[in-house]
Protein backbone atom coordinates (compact mmCIF):
# COMPACT_ATOMS: atom_id res chain seq x y z
CA SER A 1 -18.83 -0.61 14.09
CA ARG A 2 -15.56 -2.11 14.21
CA TRP A 3 -12.69 0.23 15.00
CA GLY A 4 -8.73 -0.75 14.55
CA TYR A 5 -6.16 0.93 17.13
CA LEU A 6 -2.86 1.34 16.41
CA SER A 7 -0.06 1.60 19.15
CA ASN A 8 3.49 1.96 19.68
CA MET A 9 4.05 2.63 15.39
CA PHE A 10 7.62 4.15 15.33
CA VAL A 11 10.38 4.64 12.93
CA LEU A 12 14.31 4.32 13.82
CA GLU A 13 15.86 7.71 14.04
CA PRO A 14 18.59 6.93 11.52
CA PHE A 15 15.66 5.99 8.84
CA ARG A 16 13.22 8.59 9.24
CA ASN A 17 12.47 11.87 6.43
CA ARG A 18 13.01 8.42 4.29
CA GLY A 19 9.22 8.14 3.92
CA VAL A 20 9.65 4.88 6.09
CA GLY A 21 6.50 5.82 8.51
CA ALA A 22 4.48 6.30 6.12
CA ALA A 23 4.89 3.47 4.23
CA LEU A 24 4.05 1.49 7.42
CA LEU A 25 0.95 3.65 8.12
CA ASP A 26 0.23 3.46 4.30
CA ALA A 27 0.22 -1.19 5.59
CA VAL A 28 -1.92 -0.05 8.56
CA ILE A 29 -4.49 2.43 6.80
CA ALA A 30 -4.93 -0.40 3.87
CA THR A 31 -5.71 -3.05 5.96
CA ALA A 32 -8.01 -1.51 8.15
CA ASP A 33 -10.20 -0.32 4.83
CA GLU A 34 -9.82 -4.89 3.98
CA ARG A 35 -11.05 -5.31 7.24
CA GLY A 36 -14.01 -3.04 7.15
CA TYR A 37 -12.70 -0.91 9.96
CA ALA A 38 -15.52 2.46 10.38
CA ARG A 39 -12.51 4.40 12.57
CA LEU A 40 -8.89 3.93 13.12
CA VAL A 41 -7.79 5.35 16.38
CA LEU A 42 -5.01 6.24 17.25
CA SER A 43 -3.39 8.46 20.56
CA PRO A 44 -0.17 10.10 18.80
CA SER A 45 2.76 11.96 20.48
CA GLU A 46 2.68 16.24 20.12
CA ARG A 47 5.40 15.76 17.71
CA ALA A 48 3.75 12.95 15.58
CA VAL A 49 0.65 14.71 15.60
CA PRO A 50 1.33 16.55 12.24
CA PHE A 51 2.41 13.45 10.77
CA TYR A 52 -1.42 11.43 11.47
CA ARG A 53 -2.81 15.16 10.00
CA ARG A 54 -1.28 15.00 6.36
CA ALA A 55 -2.65 11.30 6.39
CA GLY A 56 -6.40 11.80 7.02
CA PHE A 57 -6.34 11.74 11.22
CA ILE A 58 -8.32 14.63 12.50
CA VAL A 59 -9.37 15.80 16.32
CA PRO A 60 -12.56 14.41 16.62
CA ASP A 61 -15.22 16.43 16.53
CA GLU A 62 -18.41 17.46 14.42
CA ALA A 63 -16.21 16.49 11.62
CA ALA A 64 -15.87 12.60 13.46
CA GLY A 65 -19.76 12.49 13.07
CA ASN A 66 -21.44 10.90 16.49
CA ASP A 67 -18.29 8.73 16.85
CA ARG A 68 -17.16 9.40 20.12
CA LEU A 69 -13.69 8.36 21.93
CA LEU A 70 -13.95 9.16 25.46
CA VAL A 71 -10.72 8.10 27.14
CA ARG A 72 -10.54 7.58 31.19
CA GLN A 73 -7.35 7.82 33.00
CA ALA A 74 -6.30 5.31 35.42
CA PRO A 75 -6.06 6.45 39.17
CA SER A 76 -2.35 7.41 40.42
CA ARG A 77 -0.98 4.72 42.12
CA ASN A 78 0.38 7.06 45.01
CA GLY A 79 -3.15 7.77 46.22
CA GLY A 80 -3.76 10.84 44.40
């Protein structure tokens, strides 16, 4: 199955709380649906989590079915 990955979506502060972010996200979701993506994955800032949850995004657990997203953090560049 094909997955879509959303990264670096933001609205400049003077334009926040005007529906701009919701309109952008609606366009991304519509495109993902048109392309038949099985999942749309993102890594939001803590502040953005409620915004994405209102749009139907969930924290992966049993509610996401058998699909799991695993992340491997790159090793520290300073030897740690």
